[in-house]
Amino acid sequence: MARIAESELILNERGAVYHLNLRPEELAPTVVTVGDPDRVAEVSKHFDAIEHKQQHREFISHTGRVGNKRITVLSSGIGPDNIDIVLNELDALVNINLETREINPELRSLQIIRIGTSGSLQADIPVDSFVAATHGLGIDNLLNFYRHEQNREEEELLQSFITHTQIHSQVGNPYIHSAAPALLKHFVTNFHQGITVTCPGFYGPQGRVLRLGLSNPHLVNRLSDFRYGQHRISNFEMETSAIYGLGKLMGHQCLAINAIVANRVKKEFSKDGKAAVERLIQQFILTFSEKI
């Protein structure tokens, strides 16, 4: 089996993967990703015990236990580029022997759950509510740097989306991947479900206008209006499609759950987004302890 060169998989002085600063024994089989580094402690305060804490740049991790289940919470920072780092290094921790630099003969699958904030694209999904993403639809291009395929349903849904939005002629080739059914089934009660669109930025890519004009000024309306059978776009943010796409390629089970802090259709913003995120964290911890 080919050895992975030092330039391709960088380890630090303690033998940890470079960006996350984690060693294999410091990672749990269930990983919660959060964008905001300060949110790591907001999740881990609900752990019954914390075993390891690490930090490098914006990547902070706490590994501990909820009951007898081991869990890691890790800050990813914002955007698909950061998710590329996070997913590849998480996978390396469980599927590459860091001493021999060879891929393990038996591969492991992580459970990776994003707890984030997001903007609603439907009038009936209000601020302070929760969304579980059935699919991550990327207009960010990250997955196009990897060899990947969609299944038949995903391909048909994607083609309908491209036809409706005409977005491929402006930003490249969108892609779509679905959530892990084994995780999604636990987030039905108190959750809206729908397609989460992942954007490569916060302002222009999400249709916000400050001083600059937009190449697609009708993007928000086109996303809100899209329908394919029972599917519609519920929200957009900056990480989910990258997690779903890379996770699927690597064989991990992935899910994104988001607190809605803005409704872009009704032009509303949450008066207490932090409280909404705290309720989402509590809901996740309860579900994790009882069902996952």
C-alpha atoms as a PDB file:
ATOM      1  CA  MET A   1       0.000   0.000   0.000  1.00  0.00           C
ATOM      2  CA  ALA A   2       1.377   3.408  -0.981  1.00  0.00           C
ATOM      3  CA  ARG A   3       2.861   5.573   1.742  1.00  0.00           C
ATOM      4  CA  ILE A   4       1.349   9.078   2.044  1.00  0.00           C
ATOM      5  CA  ALA A   5       4.095  11.698   1.876  1.00  0.00           C
ATOM      6  CA  GLU A   6       4.804  14.219   4.623  1.00  0.00           C
ATOM      7  CA  SER A   7       3.819  17.066   2.312  1.00  0.00           C
ATOM      8  CA  GLU A   8       0.348  15.561   1.739  1.00  0.00           C
ATOM      9  CA  LEU A   9      -0.592  14.690   5.338  1.00  0.00           C
ATOM     10  CA  ILE A  10       1.100  17.099   7.730  1.00  0.00           C
ATOM     11  CA  LEU A  11       1.649  16.081  11.353  1.00  0.00           C
ATOM     12  CA  ASN A  12       2.866  18.360  14.135  1.00  0.00           C
ATOM     13  CA  GLU A  13       5.591  17.732  16.697  1.00  0.00           C
ATOM     14  CA  ARG A  14       3.333  15.577  18.881  1.00  0.00           C
ATOM     15  CA  GLY A  15       2.197  13.410  15.982  1.00  0.00           C
ATOM     16  CA  ALA A  16      -1.220  15.048  15.663  1.00  0.00           C
ATOM     17  CA  VAL A  17      -2.885  16.072  12.401  1.00  0.00           C
ATOM     18  CA  TYR A  18      -1.737  19.607  11.708  1.00  0.00           C
ATOM     19  CA  HIS A  19      -4.839  21.816  11.652  1.00  0.00           C
ATOM     20  CA  LEU A  20      -7.036  20.024  14.201  1.00  0.00           C
ATOM     21  CA  ASN A  21      -4.098  19.184  16.511  1.00  0.00           C
ATOM     22  CA  LEU A  22      -5.712  15.844  17.355  1.00  0.00           C
ATOM     23  CA  ARG A  23      -4.314  12.358  17.756  1.00  0.00           C
ATOM     24  CA  PRO A  24      -6.476   9.292  17.048  1.00  0.00           C
ATOM     25  CA  GLU A  25      -7.058   8.462  20.712  1.00  0.00           C
ATOM     26  CA  GLU A  26      -8.353  12.000  21.318  1.00  0.00           C
ATOM     27  CA  LEU A  27     -11.240  11.629  18.868  1.00  0.00           C
ATOM     28  CA  ALA A  28     -14.616  10.048  19.684  1.00  0.00           C
ATOM     29  CA  PRO A  29     -16.742   8.042  17.202  1.00  0.00           C
ATOM     30  CA  THR A  30     -19.407  10.791  17.260  1.00  0.00           C
ATOM     31  CA  VAL A  31     -18.212  14.257  16.251  1.00  0.00           C
ATOM     32  CA  VAL A  32     -20.242  17.455  16.564  1.00  0.00           C
ATOM     33  CA  THR A  33     -19.005  20.308  14.382  1.00  0.00           C
ATOM     34  CA  VAL A  34     -19.815  23.934  15.146  1.00  0.00           C
ATOM     35  CA  GLY A  35     -18.679  26.965  13.185  1.00  0.00           C
ATOM     36  CA  ASP A  36     -18.044  29.277  16.132  1.00  0.00           C
ATOM     37  CA  PRO A  37     -15.074  28.359  18.359  1.00  0.00           C
ATOM     38  CA  ASP A  38     -16.922  29.807  21.374  1.00  0.00           C
ATOM     39  CA  ARG A  39     -19.756  27.336  20.777  1.00  0.00           C
ATOM     40  CA  VAL A  40     -17.515  24.372  21.611  1.00  0.00           C
ATOM     41  CA  ALA A  41     -17.765  25.106  25.332  1.00  0.00           C
ATOM     42  CA  GLU A  42     -21.512  25.730  24.972  1.00  0.00           C
ATOM     43  CA  VAL A  43     -21.831  22.128  23.795  1.00  0.00           C
ATOM     44  CA  SER A  44     -19.284  20.491  26.095  1.00  0.00           C
ATOM     45  CA  LYS A  45     -20.836  22.058  29.206  1.00  0.00           C
ATOM     46  CA  HIS A  46     -23.535  19.413  28.742  1.00  0.00           C
ATOM     47  CA  PHE A  47     -20.987  16.558  28.835  1.00  0.00           C
ATOM     48  CA  ASP A  48     -20.788  14.462  31.983  1.00  0.00           C
ATOM     49  CA  ALA A  49     -16.988  14.499  31.707  1.00  0.00           C
ATOM     50  CA  ILE A  50     -14.332  16.084  29.465  1.00  0.00           C
ATOM     51  CA  GLU A  51     -11.234  13.993  28.718  1.00  0.00           C
ATOM     52  CA  HIS A  52      -9.268  16.079  26.203  1.00  0.00           C
ATOM     53  CA  LYS A  53      -9.098  19.718  25.113  1.00  0.00           C
ATOM     54  CA  GLN A  54      -7.052  20.883  22.133  1.00  0.00           C
ATOM     55  CA  GLN A  55      -6.740  24.086  20.127  1.00  0.00           C
ATOM     56  CA  HIS A  56      -4.938  25.242  16.987  1.00  0.00           C
ATOM     57  CA  ARG A  57      -6.011  28.412  15.204  1.00  0.00           C
ATOM     58  CA  GLU A  58      -9.833  28.396  14.933  1.00  0.00           C
ATOM     59  CA  PHE A  59     -10.010  24.630  15.515  1.00  0.00           C
ATOM     60  CA  ILE A  60     -10.954  23.941  19.142  1.00  0.00           C
ATOM     61  CA  SER A  61     -11.976  20.458  20.277  1.00  0.00           C
ATOM     62  CA  HIS A  62     -13.340  18.972  23.488  1.00  0.00           C
ATOM     63  CA  THR A  63     -13.713  15.200  23.795  1.00  0.00           C
ATOM     64  CA  GLY A  64     -15.694  13.680  26.624  1.00  0.00           C
ATOM     65  CA  ARG A  65     -18.665  11.551  27.572  1.00  0.00           C
ATOM     66  CA  VAL A  66     -22.415  11.835  27.794  1.00  0.00           C
ATOM     67  CA  GLY A  67     -23.402   8.928  29.990  1.00  0.00           C
ATOM     68  CA  ASN A  68     -21.280   6.052  28.714  1.00  0.00           C
ATOM     69  CA  LYS A  69     -21.077   7.416  25.153  1.00  0.00           C
ATOM     70  CA  ARG A  70     -17.935   9.142  23.938  1.00  0.00           C
ATOM     71  CA  ILE A  71     -18.324  12.366  21.925  1.00  0.00           C
ATOM     72  CA  THR A  72     -16.134  15.109  20.422  1.00  0.00           C
ATOM     73  CA  VAL A  73     -17.222  18.681  19.713  1.00  0.00           C
ATOM     74  CA  LEU A  74     -15.019  20.555  17.235  1.00  0.00           C
ATOM     75  CA  SER A  75     -15.120  24.073  15.827  1.00  0.00           C
ATOM     76  CA  SER A  76     -14.753  24.123  12.058  1.00  0.00           C
ATOM     77  CA  GLY A  77     -14.701  27.842  11.404  1.00  0.00           C
ATOM     78  CA  ILE A  78     -16.810  29.223   8.571  1.00  0.00           C
ATOM     79  CA  GLY A  79     -17.088  27.988   4.991  1.00  0.00           C
ATOM     80  CA  PRO A  80     -16.585  24.971   2.715  1.00  0.00           C
ATOM     81  CA  ASP A  81     -12.811  25.493   2.567  1.00  0.00           C
ATOM     82  CA  ASN A  82     -12.571  24.902   6.302  1.00  0.00           C
ATOM     83  CA  ILE A  83     -14.812  21.840   6.005  1.00  0.00           C
ATOM     84  CA  ASP A  84     -12.365  20.417   3.459  1.00  0.00           C
ATOM     85  CA  ILE A  85      -9.681  20.569   6.168  1.00  0.00           C
ATOM     86  CA  VAL A  86     -11.915  19.245   8.945  1.00  0.00           C
ATOM     87  CA  LEU A  87     -13.389  16.253   7.079  1.00  0.00           C
ATOM     88  CA  ASN A  88     -10.076  15.154   5.579  1.00  0.00           C
ATOM     89  CA  GLU A  89      -8.254  15.326   8.910  1.00  0.00           C
ATOM     90  CA  LEU A  90     -11.081  13.616  10.822  1.00  0.00           C
ATOM     91  CA  ASP A  91     -10.986  10.804   8.264  1.00  0.00           C
ATOM     92  CA  ALA A  92      -7.203  10.568   8.506  1.00  0.00           C
ATOM     93  CA  LEU A  93      -7.470  10.119  12.273  1.00  0.00           C
ATOM     94  CA  VAL A  94      -9.601   6.987  11.941  1.00  0.00           C
ATOM     95  CA  ASN A  95      -8.601   5.560   8.554  1.00  0.00           C
ATOM     96  CA  ILE A  96      -4.878   6.266   8.135  1.00  0.00           C
ATOM     97  CA  ASN A  97      -2.084   4.867  10.274  1.00  0.00           C
ATOM     98  CA  LEU A  98      -0.245   8.063  11.187  1.00  0.00           C
ATOM     99  CA  GLU A  99       2.974   6.185  11.976  1.00  0.00           C
ATOM    100  CA  THR A 100       3.291   4.162   8.766  1.00  0.00           C
ATOM    101  CA  ARG A 101       1.340   6.752   6.697  1.00  0.00           C
ATOM    102  CA  GLU A 102      -0.664   3.982   5.066  1.00  0.00           C
ATOM    103  CA  ILE A 103      -4.442   3.633   4.723  1.00  0.00           C
ATOM    104  CA  ASN A 104      -5.833   1.150   7.233  1.00  0.00           C
ATOM    105  CA  PRO A 105      -7.041  -2.139   5.728  1.00  0.00           C
ATOM    106  CA  GLU A 106     -10.326  -1.842   7.649  1.00  0.00           C
ATOM    107  CA  LEU A 107     -12.054   1.526   7.404  1.00  0.00           C
ATOM    108  CA  ARG A 108     -14.101   3.129  10.190  1.00  0.00           C
ATOM    109  CA  SER A 109     -17.180   5.313   9.867  1.00  0.00           C
ATOM    110  CA  LEU A 110     -17.710   8.355  12.070  1.00  0.00           C
ATOM    111  CA  GLN A 111     -21.006   9.997  12.952  1.00  0.00           C
ATOM    112  CA  ILE A 112     -20.582  13.684  12.092  1.00  0.00           C
ATOM    113  CA  ILE A 113     -23.336  16.113  13.123  1.00  0.00           C
ATOM    114  CA  ARG A 114     -23.202  19.822  12.395  1.00  0.00           C
ATOM    115  CA  ILE A 115     -24.958  22.111  14.884  1.00  0.00           C
ATOM    116  CA  GLY A 116     -25.164  25.511  13.248  1.00  0.00           C
ATOM    117  CA  THR A 117     -27.105  28.657  12.482  1.00  0.00           C
ATOM    118  CA  SER A 118     -28.842  29.377   9.227  1.00  0.00           C
ATOM    119  CA  GLY A 119     -31.216  31.572   7.260  1.00  0.00           C
ATOM    120  CA  SER A 120     -34.697  30.328   6.377  1.00  0.00           C
ATOM    121  CA  LEU A 121     -35.851  30.509   2.754  1.00  0.00           C
ATOM    122  CA  GLN A 122     -39.508  29.724   3.482  1.00  0.00           C
ATOM    123  CA  ALA A 123     -42.064  31.998   5.122  1.00  0.00           C
ATOM    124  CA  ASP A 124     -43.428  29.092   7.193  1.00  0.00           C
ATOM    125  CA  ILE A 125     -40.022  28.267   8.748  1.00  0.00           C
ATOM    126  CA  PRO A 126     -39.770  31.036  11.335  1.00  0.00           C
ATOM    127  CA  VAL A 127     -36.804  32.446  13.210  1.00  0.00           C
ATOM    128  CA  ASP A 128     -35.838  30.440  16.306  1.00  0.00           C
ATOM    129  CA  SER A 129     -37.108  27.181  14.760  1.00  0.00           C
ATOM    130  CA  PHE A 130     -34.930  24.183  13.824  1.00  0.00           C
ATOM    131  CA  VAL A 131     -34.131  22.557  10.462  1.00  0.00           C
ATOM    132  CA  ALA A 132     -32.668  19.118   9.795  1.00  0.00           C
ATOM    133  CA  ALA A 133     -31.175  18.964   6.293  1.00  0.00           C
ATOM    134  CA  THR A 134     -32.400  16.079   4.126  1.00  0.00           C
ATOM    135  CA  HIS A 135     -29.840  17.109   1.501  1.00  0.00           C
ATOM    136  CA  GLY A 136     -26.898  19.462   1.208  1.00  0.00           C
ATOM    137  CA  LEU A 137     -26.912  21.266  -2.148  1.00  0.00           C
ATOM    138  CA  GLY A 138     -23.644  23.023  -2.861  1.00  0.00           C
ATOM    139  CA  ILE A 139     -23.181  26.087  -5.022  1.00  0.00           C
ATOM    140  CA  ASP A 140     -19.645  26.361  -3.642  1.00  0.00           C
ATOM    141  CA  ASN A 141     -17.719  24.031  -6.042  1.00  0.00           C
ATOM    142  CA  LEU A 142     -15.711  22.186  -3.340  1.00  0.00           C
ATOM    143  CA  LEU A 143     -16.860  18.685  -4.315  1.00  0.00           C
ATOM    144  CA  ASN A 144     -15.977  19.353  -7.948  1.00  0.00           C
ATOM    145  CA  PHE A 145     -12.317  19.002  -6.972  1.00  0.00           C
ATOM    146  CA  TYR A 146     -13.031  15.350  -6.058  1.00  0.00           C
ATOM    147  CA  ARG A 147     -14.328  12.431  -8.092  1.00  0.00           C
ATOM    148  CA  HIS A 148     -17.923  12.051  -6.971  1.00  0.00           C
ATOM    149  CA  GLU A 149     -21.280  10.829  -8.208  1.00  0.00           C
ATOM    150  CA  GLN A 150     -24.890  11.471  -7.237  1.00  0.00           C
ATOM    151  CA  ASN A 151     -27.494   8.694  -7.073  1.00  0.00           C
ATOM    152  CA  ARG A 152     -30.446   8.776  -9.463  1.00  0.00           C
ATOM    153  CA  GLU A 153     -32.749  10.760  -7.159  1.00  0.00           C
ATOM    154  CA  GLU A 154     -30.013  13.260  -6.347  1.00  0.00           C
ATOM    155  CA  GLU A 155     -29.127  13.662 -10.033  1.00  0.00           C
ATOM    156  CA  GLU A 156     -32.751  14.280 -11.045  1.00  0.00           C
ATOM    157  CA  LEU A 157     -33.244  16.743  -8.194  1.00  0.00           C
ATOM    158  CA  LEU A 158     -30.046  18.565  -9.114  1.00  0.00           C
ATOM    159  CA  GLN A 159     -30.968  18.851 -12.782  1.00  0.00           C
ATOM    160  CA  SER A 160     -34.355  20.296 -11.841  1.00  0.00           C
ATOM    161  CA  PHE A 161     -32.598  22.805  -9.563  1.00  0.00           C
ATOM    162  CA  ILE A 162     -30.168  23.866 -12.303  1.00  0.00           C
ATOM    163  CA  THR A 163     -32.981  24.318 -14.800  1.00  0.00           C
ATOM    164  CA  HIS A 164     -34.991  26.391 -12.319  1.00  0.00           C
ATOM    165  CA  THR A 165     -32.186  28.662 -11.106  1.00  0.00           C
ATOM    166  CA  GLN A 166     -29.885  28.729 -14.182  1.00  0.00           C
ATOM    167  CA  ILE A 167     -27.135  29.075 -11.611  1.00  0.00           C
ATOM    168  CA  HIS A 168     -24.616  26.780 -13.344  1.00  0.00           C
ATOM    169  CA  SER A 169     -23.893  29.342 -16.048  1.00  0.00           C
ATOM    170  CA  GLN A 170     -22.724  31.854 -13.431  1.00  0.00           C
ATOM    171  CA  VAL A 171     -20.991  29.996 -10.605  1.00  0.00           C
ATOM    172  CA  GLY A 172     -20.074  26.550 -11.934  1.00  0.00           C
ATOM    173  CA  ASN A 173     -21.579  23.119 -11.341  1.00  0.00           C
ATOM    174  CA  PRO A 174     -23.760  22.656  -8.248  1.00  0.00           C
ATOM    175  CA  TYR A 175     -23.744  19.286  -6.472  1.00  0.00           C
ATOM    176  CA  ILE A 176     -26.032  17.540  -4.005  1.00  0.00           C
ATOM    177  CA  HIS A 177     -25.742  14.746  -1.430  1.00  0.00           C
ATOM    178  CA  SER A 178     -28.201  13.426   1.116  1.00  0.00           C
ATOM    179  CA  ALA A 179     -28.111  13.075   4.897  1.00  0.00           C
ATOM    180  CA  ALA A 180     -27.518   9.739   6.617  1.00  0.00           C
ATOM    181  CA  PRO A 181     -31.007   8.225   7.093  1.00  0.00           C
ATOM    182  CA  ALA A 182     -29.904   6.550  10.337  1.00  0.00           C
ATOM    183  CA  LEU A 183     -29.280  10.008  11.847  1.00  0.00           C
ATOM    184  CA  LEU A 184     -31.988  12.032  10.106  1.00  0.00           C
ATOM    185  CA  LYS A 185     -34.786   9.802  11.448  1.00  0.00           C
ATOM    186  CA  HIS A 186     -34.074  10.998  14.999  1.00  0.00           C
ATOM    187  CA  PHE A 187     -34.650  14.679  14.130  1.00  0.00           C
ATOM    188  CA  VAL A 188     -38.277  14.835  13.041  1.00  0.00           C
ATOM    189  CA  THR A 189     -40.250  16.032  16.064  1.00  0.00           C
ATOM    190  CA  ASN A 190     -39.721  19.793  16.570  1.00  0.00           C
ATOM    191  CA  PHE A 191     -37.724  19.970  13.324  1.00  0.00           C
ATOM    192  CA  HIS A 192     -38.535  21.232   9.859  1.00  0.00           C
ATOM    193  CA  GLN A 193     -36.862  19.176   7.144  1.00  0.00           C
ATOM    194  CA  GLY A 194     -35.707  20.270   3.711  1.00  0.00           C
ATOM    195  CA  ILE A 195     -32.791  20.882   1.385  1.00  0.00           C
ATOM    196  CA  THR A 196     -30.034  23.072   2.789  1.00  0.00           C
ATOM    197  CA  VAL A 197     -28.152  25.102   0.173  1.00  0.00           C
ATOM    198  CA  THR A 198     -24.506  25.804   0.955  1.00  0.00           C
ATOM    199  CA  CYS A 199     -23.025  29.078  -0.306  1.00  0.00           C
ATOM    200  CA  PRO A 200     -19.348  30.072  -0.624  1.00  0.00           C
ATOM    201  CA  GLY A 201     -19.895  33.416   1.126  1.00  0.00           C
ATOM    202  CA  PHE A 202     -22.238  35.399   3.376  1.00  0.00           C
ATOM    203  CA  TYR A 203     -23.028  38.542   1.403  1.00  0.00           C
ATOM    204  CA  GLY A 204     -23.260  38.333  -2.409  1.00  0.00           C
ATOM    205  CA  PRO A 205     -23.462  34.510  -2.525  1.00  0.00           C
ATOM    206  CA  GLN A 206     -26.489  34.694  -0.205  1.00  0.00           C
ATOM    207  CA  GLY A 207     -28.124  37.531  -2.110  1.00  0.00           C
ATOM    208  CA  ARG A 208     -27.246  40.334   0.313  1.00  0.00           C
ATOM    209  CA  VAL A 209     -26.710  43.788  -1.149  1.00  0.00           C
ATOM    210  CA  LEU A 210     -24.528  46.369   0.597  1.00  0.00           C
ATOM    211  CA  ARG A 211     -22.495  48.437  -1.915  1.00  0.00           C
ATOM    212  CA  LEU A 212     -21.968  45.894  -4.684  1.00  0.00           C
ATOM    213  CA  GLY A 213     -24.440  44.775  -7.320  1.00  0.00           C
ATOM    214  CA  LEU A 214     -25.276  41.081  -7.766  1.00  0.00           C
ATOM    215  CA  SER A 215     -24.904  38.910 -10.848  1.00  0.00           C
ATOM    216  CA  ASN A 216     -28.037  36.989  -9.824  1.00  0.00           C
ATOM    217  CA  PRO A 217     -30.275  39.460  -7.946  1.00  0.00           C
ATOM    218  CA  HIS A 218     -33.217  37.030  -7.971  1.00  0.00           C
ATOM    219  CA  LEU A 219     -31.292  34.152  -6.336  1.00  0.00           C
ATOM    220  CA  VAL A 220     -33.160  34.178  -3.004  1.00  0.00           C
ATOM    221  CA  ASN A 221     -36.548  34.143  -4.719  1.00  0.00           C
ATOM    222  CA  ARG A 222     -35.506  31.351  -7.080  1.00  0.00           C
ATOM    223  CA  LEU A 223     -34.242  29.246  -4.181  1.00  0.00           C
ATOM    224  CA  SER A 224     -37.438  29.839  -2.200  1.00  0.00           C
ATOM    225  CA  ASP A 225     -39.642  28.969  -5.190  1.00  0.00           C
ATOM    226  CA  PHE A 226     -37.874  25.722  -6.105  1.00  0.00           C
ATOM    227  CA  ARG A 227     -39.915  22.513  -5.823  1.00  0.00           C
ATOM    228  CA  TYR A 228     -39.181  18.955  -6.917  1.00  0.00           C
ATOM    229  CA  GLY A 229     -41.849  16.492  -5.827  1.00  0.00           C
ATOM    230  CA  GLN A 230     -41.942  16.665  -2.036  1.00  0.00           C
ATOM    231  CA  HIS A 231     -38.618  18.491  -1.879  1.00  0.00           C
ATOM    232  CA  ARG A 232     -38.056  22.199  -1.354  1.00  0.00           C
ATOM    233  CA  ILE A 233     -35.166  24.368  -0.173  1.00  0.00           C
ATOM    234  CA  SER A 234     -35.640  25.156   3.504  1.00  0.00           C
ATOM    235  CA  ASN A 235     -32.558  27.232   4.319  1.00  0.00           C
ATOM    236  CA  PHE A 236     -29.037  28.185   3.346  1.00  0.00           C
ATOM    237  CA  GLU A 237     -25.687  28.531   5.108  1.00  0.00           C
ATOM    238  CA  MET A 238     -22.004  27.783   4.408  1.00  0.00           C
ATOM    239  CA  GLU A 239     -21.054  24.214   5.460  1.00  0.00           C
ATOM    240  CA  THR A 240     -23.647  21.445   4.999  1.00  0.00           C
ATOM    241  CA  SER A 241     -23.103  20.333   1.395  1.00  0.00           C
ATOM    242  CA  ALA A 242     -19.355  20.032   1.975  1.00  0.00           C
ATOM    243  CA  ILE A 243     -19.931  17.858   5.047  1.00  0.00           C
ATOM    244  CA  TYR A 244     -22.482  15.664   3.269  1.00  0.00           C
ATOM    245  CA  GLY A 245     -20.439  15.338   0.085  1.00  0.00           C
ATOM    246  CA  LEU A 246     -17.052  14.590   1.638  1.00  0.00           C
ATOM    247  CA  GLY A 247     -18.669  12.460   4.334  1.00  0.00           C
ATOM    248  CA  LYS A 248     -20.397  10.304   1.726  1.00  0.00           C
ATOM    249  CA  LEU A 249     -17.191   9.855  -0.278  1.00  0.00           C
ATOM    250  CA  MET A 250     -15.305   8.814   2.860  1.00  0.00           C
ATOM    251  CA  GLY A 251     -18.046   6.536   4.217  1.00  0.00           C
ATOM    252  CA  HIS A 252     -19.097   8.599   7.238  1.00  0.00           C
ATOM    253  CA  GLN A 253     -22.658   9.220   8.455  1.00  0.00           C
ATOM    254  CA  CYS A 254     -23.461  12.931   8.377  1.00  0.00           C
ATOM    255  CA  LEU A 255     -26.284  15.222   9.419  1.00  0.00           C
ATOM    256  CA  ALA A 256     -26.697  18.985   9.750  1.00  0.00           C
ATOM    257  CA  ILE A 257     -29.162  20.565  12.158  1.00  0.00           C
ATOM    258  CA  ASN A 258     -29.524  24.332  12.249  1.00  0.00           C
ATOM    259  CA  ALA A 259     -31.194  26.973  14.374  1.00  0.00           C
ATOM    260  CA  ILE A 260     -32.895  29.520  12.143  1.00  0.00           C
ATOM    261  CA  VAL A 261     -31.664  32.990  13.101  1.00  0.00           C
ATOM    262  CA  ALA A 262     -32.921  34.853  10.013  1.00  0.00           C
ATOM    263  CA  ASN A 263     -35.923  34.546   7.719  1.00  0.00           C
ATOM    264  CA  ARG A 264     -34.854  35.943   4.358  1.00  0.00           C
ATOM    265  CA  VAL A 265     -38.384  35.848   2.914  1.00  0.00           C
ATOM    266  CA  LYS A 266     -39.999  37.802   5.767  1.00  0.00           C
ATOM    267  CA  LYS A 267     -36.863  39.948   6.370  1.00  0.00           C
ATOM    268  CA  GLU A 268     -36.737  38.995  10.047  1.00  0.00           C
ATOM    269  CA  PHE A 269     -33.822  38.296  12.390  1.00  0.00           C
ATOM    270  CA  SER A 270     -33.926  36.482  15.721  1.00  0.00           C
ATOM    271  CA  LYS A 271     -34.057  38.674  18.812  1.00  0.00           C
ATOM    272  CA  ASP A 272     -32.112  36.013  20.765  1.00  0.00           C
ATOM    273  CA  GLY A 273     -30.246  33.667  18.449  1.00  0.00           C
ATOM    274  CA  LYS A 274     -27.994  32.477  21.272  1.00  0.00           C
ATOM    275  CA  ALA A 275     -31.017  31.143  23.166  1.00  0.00           C
ATOM    276  CA  ALA A 276     -32.216  29.328  20.035  1.00  0.00           C
ATOM    277  CA  VAL A 277     -28.815  27.670  19.602  1.00  0.00           C
ATOM    278  CA  GLU A 278     -28.804  26.636  23.269  1.00  0.00           C
ATOM    279  CA  ARG A 279     -32.204  24.976  22.839  1.00  0.00           C
ATOM    280  CA  LEU A 280     -30.904  23.175  19.750  1.00  0.00           C
ATOM    281  CA  ILE A 281     -27.840  21.945  21.651  1.00  0.00           C
ATOM    282  CA  GLN A 282     -30.022  20.679  24.492  1.00  0.00           C
ATOM    283  CA  GLN A 283     -32.285  18.879  22.019  1.00  0.00           C
ATOM    284  CA  PHE A 284     -29.265  17.258  20.377  1.00  0.00           C
ATOM    285  CA  ILE A 285     -27.702  16.134  23.689  1.00  0.00           C
ATOM    286  CA  LEU A 286     -31.011  14.563  24.744  1.00  0.00           C
ATOM    287  CA  THR A 287     -31.374  12.767  21.417  1.00  0.00           C
ATOM    288  CA  PHE A 288     -27.740  11.639  21.452  1.00  0.00           C
ATOM    289  CA  SER A 289     -28.004  10.235  24.967  1.00  0.00           C
ATOM    290  CA  GLU A 290     -31.224   8.334  24.275  1.00  0.00           C
ATOM    291  CA  LYS A 291     -31.163   7.320  20.612  1.00  0.00           C
ATOM    292  CA  ILE A 292     -27.887   7.759  18.718  1.00  0.00           C
END
